[in-house]
Amino acid sequence: MPTSVINFTKANLETLPSPASGRTEYQDAKTPGLKIRVSRNNVKTFCVLKRVKGGSPLRTTLGRFPEMTIEQARRQAAAVLSEIAEGGNPAEVKRALKSELTFSELFKSYLERYARVHKKTADEDEQRYNQYLATPLGKKKISSITKDEIAKLHEKITSAGHPTVANRVLALLSTVFNRGIEWSILSNNPCEKIRRNKEVSRDRFLQSEELQRFFTALNAESNSTMRDFFWLSLLTGARRANMLSMEWAEISLSEGVWRIPDTKNGTPQNIPLPRQAIDILKTRRKLIDKKEIFVFPGTGESGHFVEPKKGWKRILDEAKITNLRIHDLRRTMGSWQAKTGSSLSIIGKSLNHKSVQTTAIYARLDLDPVRDSMNTAADAMIKAGTAKKPKLAAKPKSAKPEKVGG
């Protein structure tokens, strides 16, 4: 009886009937030689049947449906048929395919061999993998991951309201696959030519009419670590990662300078501390155990505070402010510097922006004009907020600033 030819789709294969006895066999309409056998127990198995020149037909079992997808079966069938056509041994192809890395294994290699060695954002890469890639791709063999599959994942994240995150996940995937090519683990990058979402530069910062409500809510925050963290984030314009890991050894209260040894740009940075920031740090220094390394100590493995999101939400809810991110505090300092007449070069130096056009100018600037600019901006922000000043914790007899989890 001739083998029935059908288009292998998930719907078609799921509805194939079980024979009363023995097995029935169906040929894929798209891939010559690829078949699926259905047993009376409804077990469906992909295989390749190819007549060897001068010999008998050679059957190679690939795997069971649906554990093996149709796309995987077609890819493996193509590899086996190519090997047979060249006179090779299809069994060796099968062994190679079985030993192929899964995406989770490739990502682990990428993390250890590349990201943790060369990137400051390795933890962000791992977080994005866990959140967006582990479930849909982690267990898949790398050769079975298709451009269409990645495009659909990108669209899914975009449709959830995260177009920029979708681009970052796509960029991470592309980087991982490129490392695989570099290490001769695979030969192509399925991310190529997938259209990225158009990104609009974010320009959100605290407006004049929001400052009073923000300062009132910030000073009302009962957790002094949260309160001080957000005040200093605003007054210094520092990046969140540097704020979280700020060490007392990096701060000279007498000079009013915070020396960050390593930033996202890969360069050290000296931040002149506005007067209000110095006051907060002096008070905090009195309350914190002198043995503490970090300005914002935590209880986790890192030793410092790691997650301010809950406190941020409380403050925004209290202030009735929406669509404001922690990073927007950094943008707020730069925006108020611009509002009060600072040049772009001064703003760039104070925020440690790395720019080919302005690097030479930054190198010639000393800290005095930067300090003046930041003091002026801080004064202007607080004045616009009806003269609200950072709330400084009074030193109680035994109380200490909170150590926050993480």
Protein backbone atom coordinates (compact mmCIF):
# COMPACT_ATOMS: atom_id res chain seq x y z
CA MET A 1 0.00 0.00 0.00
CA PRO A 2 1.53 3.38 -0.98
CA THR A 3 2.44 5.84 1.76
CA SER A 4 0.01 8.76 2.12
CA VAL A 5 1.56 12.16 1.50
CA ILE A 6 0.38 14.96 3.84
CA ASN A 7 1.60 18.36 4.89
CA PHE A 8 3.20 17.93 8.30
CA THR A 9 1.51 20.46 10.56
CA LYS A 10 0.86 20.16 14.27
CA ALA A 11 -2.89 19.98 13.68
CA ASN A 12 -2.56 17.29 11.01
CA LEU A 13 -0.21 15.10 13.04
CA GLU A 14 -2.27 15.38 16.22
CA THR A 15 -5.35 14.05 14.42
CA LEU A 16 -3.73 11.12 12.63
CA PRO A 17 -5.74 7.96 13.42
CA SER A 18 -4.25 4.92 15.12
CA PRO A 19 -4.34 1.71 13.06
CA ALA A 20 -6.19 -1.32 14.40
CA SER A 21 -2.95 -3.28 14.21
CA GLY A 22 0.63 -2.79 13.12
CA ARG A 23 1.69 0.69 12.00
CA THR A 24 0.75 3.22 9.35
CA GLU A 25 3.17 5.60 7.70
CA TYR A 26 2.83 9.09 6.24
CA GLN A 27 5.23 11.08 4.03
CA ASP A 28 5.87 14.81 4.58
CA ALA A 29 4.83 16.87 1.55
CA LYS A 30 7.66 19.36 2.14
CA THR A 31 10.65 17.15 2.98
CA PRO A 32 11.22 14.11 0.74
CA GLY A 33 12.30 11.13 2.81
CA LEU A 34 10.81 12.42 6.08
CA LYS A 35 8.06 10.16 7.37
CA ILE A 36 6.02 9.65 10.51
CA ARG A 37 4.93 6.20 11.70
CA VAL A 38 1.81 5.78 13.83
CA SER A 39 1.43 2.67 16.01
CA ARG A 40 -1.80 1.13 17.25
CA ASN A 41 -0.97 2.67 20.65
CA ASN A 42 -0.94 6.11 18.94
CA VAL A 43 2.83 6.52 19.28
CA LYS A 44 4.03 8.79 16.48
CA THR A 45 7.67 8.56 15.43
CA PHE A 46 9.60 10.60 12.87
CA CYS A 47 12.03 8.73 10.65
CA VAL A 48 13.96 9.10 7.40
CA LEU A 49 13.76 6.46 4.68
CA LYS A 50 16.29 6.75 1.88
CA ARG A 51 17.41 4.20 -0.68
CA VAL A 52 21.18 3.95 -0.79
CA LYS A 53 22.61 3.65 -4.31
CA GLY A 54 23.31 0.00 -5.01
CA GLY A 55 21.81 -1.08 -1.69
CA SER A 56 18.62 -1.49 0.31
CA PRO A 57 16.50 1.37 1.72
CA LEU A 58 18.04 2.81 4.89
CA ARG A 59 15.72 3.85 7.71
CA THR A 60 16.92 6.28 10.43
CA THR A 61 14.68 6.97 13.44
CA LEU A 62 14.76 10.62 14.54
CA GLY A 63 12.42 10.99 17.50
CA ARG A 64 8.85 11.00 18.74
CA PHE A 65 6.18 13.59 18.09
CA PRO A 66 5.33 15.94 19.82
CA GLU A 67 8.52 15.86 21.95
CA MET A 68 10.36 16.44 18.67
CA THR A 69 8.79 19.32 16.78
CA ILE A 70 8.08 19.22 13.05
CA GLU A 71 10.75 21.88 12.45
CA GLN A 72 13.33 19.86 14.37
CA ALA A 73 12.41 16.72 12.43
CA ARG A 74 12.76 18.52 9.10
CA ARG A 75 16.16 19.93 10.09
CA GLN A 76 17.47 16.55 11.23
CA ALA A 77 16.04 14.83 8.18
CA ALA A 78 17.84 17.30 5.91
CA ALA A 79 21.12 16.64 7.74
CA VAL A 80 20.72 12.85 7.51
CA LEU A 81 19.73 12.93 3.82
CA SER A 82 22.71 15.16 3.02
CA GLU A 83 25.05 12.77 4.80
CA ILE A 84 23.62 9.77 2.94
CA ALA A 85 23.92 11.60 -0.40
CA GLU A 86 27.61 12.15 0.29
CA GLY A 87 28.12 8.50 1.19
CA GLY A 88 28.43 9.12 4.91
CA ASN A 89 26.99 7.39 7.96
CA PRO A 90 23.65 8.84 9.12
CA ALA A 91 24.14 7.24 12.55
CA GLU A 92 27.07 9.61 13.13
CA VAL A 93 24.84 12.54 12.20
CA LYS A 94 22.28 11.40 14.77
CA ARG A 95 24.93 11.14 17.48
CA ALA A 96 26.16 14.66 16.68
CA LEU A 97 22.64 16.04 16.81
CA LYS A 98 21.97 14.37 20.17
CA SER A 99 25.17 15.85 21.62
CA GLU A 100 24.34 19.36 20.36
CA LEU A 101 24.08 22.09 22.99
CA THR A 102 20.74 23.38 24.19
CA PHE A 103 20.27 27.14 24.30
CA SER A 104 20.53 27.12 28.11
CA GLU A 105 23.94 25.41 27.81
CA LEU A 106 25.10 27.92 25.20
CA PHE A 107 23.90 30.81 27.36
CA LYS A 108 25.73 29.46 30.41
CA SER A 109 28.91 29.27 28.34
CA TYR A 110 28.32 32.81 27.06
CA LEU A 111 27.83 34.07 30.63
CA GLU A 112 30.98 32.44 31.99
CA ARG A 113 33.33 32.86 29.02
CA TYR A 114 32.25 36.27 27.77
CA ALA A 115 29.73 38.34 29.75
CA ARG A 116 31.29 38.06 33.22
CA VAL A 117 34.72 38.69 31.74
CA HIS A 118 33.99 41.57 29.36
CA LYS A 119 30.66 43.17 30.35
CA LYS A 120 29.50 45.21 33.31
CA THR A 121 25.92 44.21 32.58
CA ALA A 122 26.34 40.43 32.96
CA ASP A 123 23.80 40.35 35.79
CA GLU A 124 21.28 42.17 33.57
CA ASP A 125 21.90 39.60 30.83
CA GLU A 126 21.24 36.76 33.26
CA GLN A 127 18.08 38.45 34.55
CA ARG A 128 16.76 38.89 30.98
CA TYR A 129 17.54 35.27 30.18
CA ASN A 130 15.66 34.06 33.27
CA GLN A 131 12.69 36.34 32.63
CA TYR A 132 12.26 36.10 28.86
CA LEU A 133 14.35 33.28 27.36
CA ALA A 134 14.66 30.34 29.75
CA THR A 135 11.10 29.04 29.30
CA PRO A 136 10.61 29.39 25.51
CA LEU A 137 14.17 28.57 24.39
CA GLY A 138 16.21 27.08 27.24
CA LYS A 139 15.65 23.38 26.48
CA LYS A 140 15.79 23.70 22.69
CA LYS A 141 18.76 22.50 20.65
CA ILE A 142 20.44 25.59 19.23
CA SER A 143 20.12 24.43 15.62
CA SER A 144 16.34 24.07 16.04
CA ILE A 145 15.78 27.73 17.02
CA THR A 146 14.41 29.59 14.01
CA LYS A 147 14.26 33.20 12.92
CA ASP A 148 10.45 32.99 12.91
CA GLU A 149 10.44 31.74 16.50
CA ILE A 150 12.63 34.60 17.68
CA ALA A 151 10.59 37.15 15.74
CA LYS A 152 7.43 35.91 17.46
CA LEU A 153 9.11 36.18 20.87
CA HIS A 154 10.18 39.75 20.07
CA GLU A 155 6.60 40.57 19.05
CA LYS A 156 5.19 38.99 22.22
CA ILE A 157 7.37 41.15 24.49
CA THR A 158 6.54 44.20 22.37
CA SER A 159 2.80 43.52 22.55
CA ALA A 160 3.05 43.28 26.34
CA GLY A 161 3.99 46.96 26.32
CA HIS A 162 7.79 46.62 26.46
CA PRO A 163 9.15 47.55 23.01
CA THR A 164 12.54 48.68 24.28
CA VAL A 165 12.95 45.55 26.42
CA ALA A 166 12.04 43.47 23.36
CA ASN A 167 14.93 45.10 21.50
CA ARG A 168 17.32 44.44 24.38
CA VAL A 169 16.30 40.77 24.54
CA LEU A 170 16.80 40.47 20.77
CA ALA A 171 20.22 42.10 21.07
CA LEU A 172 21.16 39.67 23.84
CA LEU A 173 20.08 36.70 21.75
CA SER A 174 22.09 37.96 18.78
CA THR A 175 25.18 38.41 20.95
CA VAL A 176 24.87 34.89 22.37
CA PHE A 177 24.52 33.36 18.89
CA ASN A 178 27.47 35.42 17.59
CA ARG A 179 29.63 34.07 20.39
CA GLY A 180 28.51 30.57 19.40
CA ILE A 181 29.63 31.24 15.83
CA GLU A 182 32.94 32.63 17.09
CA TRP A 183 33.49 29.46 19.15
CA SER A 184 32.55 27.22 16.17
CA ILE A 185 29.50 25.86 18.00
CA LEU A 186 27.05 26.94 15.27
CA SER A 187 27.24 28.43 11.81
CA ASN A 188 24.47 31.02 11.58
CA ASN A 189 22.67 33.66 13.65
CA PRO A 190 18.86 33.33 13.45
CA CYS A 191 18.45 36.89 14.76
CA GLU A 192 19.78 38.46 11.57
CA LYS A 193 17.43 40.83 9.74
CA ILE A 194 14.72 40.76 12.41
CA ARG A 195 13.31 44.26 12.51
CA ARG A 196 13.87 46.12 15.79
CA ASN A 197 11.23 48.38 17.31
CA LYS A 198 11.70 52.08 16.78
CA GLU A 199 12.93 53.60 20.04
CA VAL A 200 12.10 57.07 21.26
CA SER A 201 14.61 58.64 23.64
CA ARG A 202 13.05 59.05 27.06
CA ASP A 203 12.92 62.67 28.25
CA ARG A 204 10.98 62.29 31.52
CA PHE A 205 12.19 64.26 34.53
CA LEU A 206 10.59 65.92 37.54
CA GLN A 207 8.70 69.03 36.46
CA SER A 208 8.39 72.17 38.60
CA GLU A 209 4.80 71.40 39.57
CA GLU A 210 5.77 67.87 40.69
CA LEU A 211 8.71 68.78 42.90
CA GLN A 212 6.73 69.88 45.98
CA ARG A 213 4.66 66.69 46.01
CA PHE A 214 7.75 64.57 45.39
CA PHE A 215 9.78 66.22 48.17
CA THR A 216 6.87 66.01 50.62
CA ALA A 217 6.40 62.30 49.90
CA LEU A 218 10.14 61.68 50.02
CA ASN A 219 10.54 63.33 53.41
CA ALA A 220 7.50 61.42 54.70
CA GLU A 221 9.11 58.06 53.81
CA SER A 222 9.66 56.23 57.10
CA ASN A 223 12.52 54.07 55.89
CA SER A 224 15.58 56.29 56.18
CA THR A 225 17.65 54.11 53.83
CA MET A 226 15.07 54.49 51.07
CA ARG A 227 14.70 58.20 51.76
CA ASP A 228 18.43 58.90 51.73
CA PHE A 229 18.98 56.71 48.67
CA PHE A 230 16.50 58.66 46.55
CA TRP A 231 17.63 62.08 47.82
CA LEU A 232 21.24 61.26 46.96
CA SER A 233 20.24 59.78 43.59
CA LEU A 234 18.59 63.09 42.74
CA LEU A 235 21.28 65.37 44.16
CA THR A 236 24.25 63.54 42.59
CA GLY A 237 22.72 62.38 39.30
CA ALA A 238 24.62 59.10 39.78
CA ARG A 239 23.63 55.87 38.10
CA ARG A 240 21.58 53.45 40.17
CA ALA A 241 24.25 50.71 40.25
CA ASN A 242 26.86 53.14 41.58
CA MET A 243 24.45 54.50 44.19
CA LEU A 244 23.62 51.03 45.47
CA SER A 245 27.29 50.06 45.86
CA MET A 246 28.50 53.45 47.19
CA GLU A 247 31.27 52.92 49.76
CA TRP A 248 32.37 55.23 52.55
CA ALA A 249 35.96 54.81 51.36
CA GLU A 250 34.98 56.53 48.09
CA ILE A 251 33.65 59.66 49.82
CA SER A 252 35.59 62.67 51.10
CA LEU A 253 33.17 64.73 53.15
CA SER A 254 35.84 67.35 53.81
CA GLU A 255 36.43 67.87 50.07
CA GLY A 256 32.81 67.23 49.15
CA VAL A 257 33.71 64.67 46.48
CA TRP A 258 32.54 61.15 45.72
CA ARG A 259 35.18 59.25 43.74
CA ILE A 260 33.62 56.33 41.84
CA PRO A 261 36.45 54.02 40.74
CA ASP A 262 34.52 52.22 38.02
CA THR A 263 31.40 53.29 36.13
CA LYS A 264 29.25 51.87 33.31
CA ASN A 265 31.47 53.73 30.83
CA GLY A 266 34.51 51.88 32.13
CA THR A 267 36.03 55.09 33.47
CA PRO A 268 36.34 56.50 37.01
CA GLN A 269 34.25 59.53 37.95
CA ASN A 270 34.56 62.31 40.51
CA ILE A 271 31.16 63.66 41.58
CA PRO A 272 31.16 67.00 43.41
CA LEU A 273 28.62 66.65 46.21
CA PRO A 274 26.03 69.44 46.54
CA ARG A 275 25.66 70.88 50.04
CA GLN A 276 22.42 69.01 50.68
CA ALA A 277 24.07 65.68 49.74
CA ILE A 278 26.94 66.36 52.16
CA ASP A 279 24.45 67.02 54.97
CA ILE A 280 22.67 63.70 54.33
CA LEU A 281 25.96 61.78 54.25
CA LYS A 282 27.27 63.44 57.44
CA THR A 283 24.11 62.48 59.31
CA ARG A 284 24.19 58.98 57.89
CA ARG A 285 27.86 58.57 58.85
CA LYS A 286 26.98 59.34 62.49
CA LEU A 287 24.25 56.72 62.57
CA ILE A 288 25.93 53.85 60.72
CA ASP A 289 28.32 51.40 62.33
CA LYS A 290 31.87 52.50 61.49
CA LYS A 291 32.64 48.93 60.41
CA GLU A 292 30.11 49.12 57.55
CA ILE A 293 31.72 49.34 54.12
CA PHE A 294 28.65 50.56 52.26
CA VAL A 295 26.68 53.77 52.64
CA PHE A 296 23.53 51.69 52.08
CA PRO A 297 24.27 48.34 53.76
CA GLY A 298 22.11 45.31 53.02
CA THR A 299 21.57 41.84 54.40
CA GLY A 300 22.22 39.88 51.22
CA GLU A 301 25.31 38.36 49.64
CA SER A 302 26.51 41.61 48.07
CA GLY A 303 26.56 43.36 51.45
CA HIS A 304 24.71 46.39 50.11
CA PHE A 305 21.16 47.45 49.33
CA VAL A 306 20.04 46.02 45.97
CA GLU A 307 16.35 46.68 45.29
CA PRO A 308 14.68 50.06 45.96
CA LYS A 309 11.52 49.43 43.89
CA LYS A 310 9.09 49.00 46.80
CA GLY A 311 10.17 52.26 48.42
CA TRP A 312 10.02 54.02 45.06
CA LYS A 313 6.44 52.87 44.52
CA ARG A 314 5.41 54.09 47.99
CA ILE A 315 6.86 57.52 47.32
CA LEU A 316 5.29 57.89 43.88
CA ASP A 317 1.90 56.71 45.19
CA GLU A 318 2.09 59.21 48.04
CA ALA A 319 3.12 62.02 45.66
CA LYS A 320 0.52 60.98 43.06
CA ILE A 321 3.19 60.97 40.34
CA THR A 322 3.09 58.51 37.46
CA ASN A 323 5.49 57.36 34.76
CA LEU A 324 8.62 58.30 36.70
CA ARG A 325 11.51 55.86 36.95
CA ILE A 326 14.42 55.86 39.35
CA HIS A 327 16.76 56.60 36.44
CA ASP A 328 14.69 59.73 35.73
CA LEU A 329 16.19 61.27 38.89
CA ARG A 330 19.54 61.29 37.08
CA ARG A 331 17.88 62.94 34.09
CA THR A 332 16.23 65.43 36.46
CA MET A 333 19.61 66.69 37.70
CA GLY A 334 20.85 67.15 34.13
CA SER A 335 17.63 68.86 33.05
CA TRP A 336 17.72 71.33 35.95
CA GLN A 337 21.38 72.04 35.23
CA ALA A 338 20.34 72.95 31.70
CA LYS A 339 17.42 75.04 33.02
CA THR A 340 19.80 77.04 35.20
CA GLY A 341 22.19 77.81 32.35
CA SER A 342 24.87 75.11 32.48
CA SER A 343 26.63 74.24 29.24
CA LEU A 344 26.29 70.78 27.70
CA SER A 345 29.95 70.06 28.41
CA ILE A 346 29.49 70.81 32.12
CA ILE A 347 26.36 68.63 32.26
CA GLY A 348 28.15 65.84 30.41
CA LYS A 349 31.04 65.87 32.84
CA SER A 350 28.82 65.91 35.92
CA LEU A 351 26.83 62.91 34.61
CA ASN A 352 29.89 61.13 33.16
CA HIS A 353 28.45 60.92 29.65
CA LYS A 354 30.94 59.42 27.21
CA SER A 355 30.98 61.27 23.91
CA VAL A 356 33.62 61.46 21.21
CA GLN A 357 32.72 65.06 20.48
CA THR A 358 33.05 66.27 24.04
CA THR A 359 35.68 64.02 25.61
CA ALA A 360 38.48 66.50 24.92
CA ILE A 361 36.47 69.31 26.51
CA TYR A 362 35.68 67.17 29.59
CA ALA A 363 39.35 66.42 30.07
CA ARG A 364 40.15 70.15 30.40
CA LEU A 365 37.44 70.90 32.94
CA ASP A 366 38.15 71.04 36.65
CA LEU A 367 35.50 70.28 39.26
CA ASP A 368 34.76 73.85 40.36
CA PRO A 369 32.38 74.81 37.51
CA VAL A 370 30.77 71.37 37.75
CA ARG A 371 30.27 71.83 41.51
CA ASP A 372 28.79 75.31 40.96
CA SER A 373 26.43 73.93 38.33
CA MET A 374 25.21 71.09 40.52
CA ASN A 375 24.78 73.34 43.55
CA THR A 376 22.81 75.81 41.46
CA ALA A 377 20.62 73.05 40.04
CA ALA A 378 20.02 71.52 43.48
CA ASP A 379 19.11 74.93 44.93
CA ALA A 380 16.74 75.60 42.03
CA MET A 381 14.99 72.24 42.39
CA ILE A 382 14.46 72.69 46.12
CA LYS A 383 13.30 76.27 45.68
CA ALA A 384 10.80 75.12 43.06
CA GLY A 385 9.57 72.56 45.58
CA THR A 386 8.67 75.39 48.01
CA ALA A 387 11.94 75.22 49.88
CA LYS A 388 11.53 71.61 50.98
CA LYS A 389 14.86 70.38 52.32
CA PRO A 390 16.01 66.77 52.63
CA LYS A 391 14.74 65.33 55.88
CA LEU A 392 17.68 64.47 58.07
CA ALA A 393 17.22 61.76 60.65
CA ALA A 394 17.76 62.94 64.21
CA LYS A 395 20.25 60.78 66.02
CA PRO A 396 18.33 58.64 68.54
CA LYS A 397 20.00 56.91 71.44
CA SER A 398 20.06 53.44 69.88
CA ALA A 399 18.35 53.50 66.50
CA LYS A 400 20.32 53.02 63.29
CA PRO A 401 19.45 53.46 59.60
CA GLU A 402 17.68 50.39 58.31
CA LYS A 403 19.64 47.60 56.70
CA VAL A 404 17.57 46.70 53.69
CA GLY A 405 17.27 43.13 52.42
CA GLY A 406 19.60 42.23 49.58
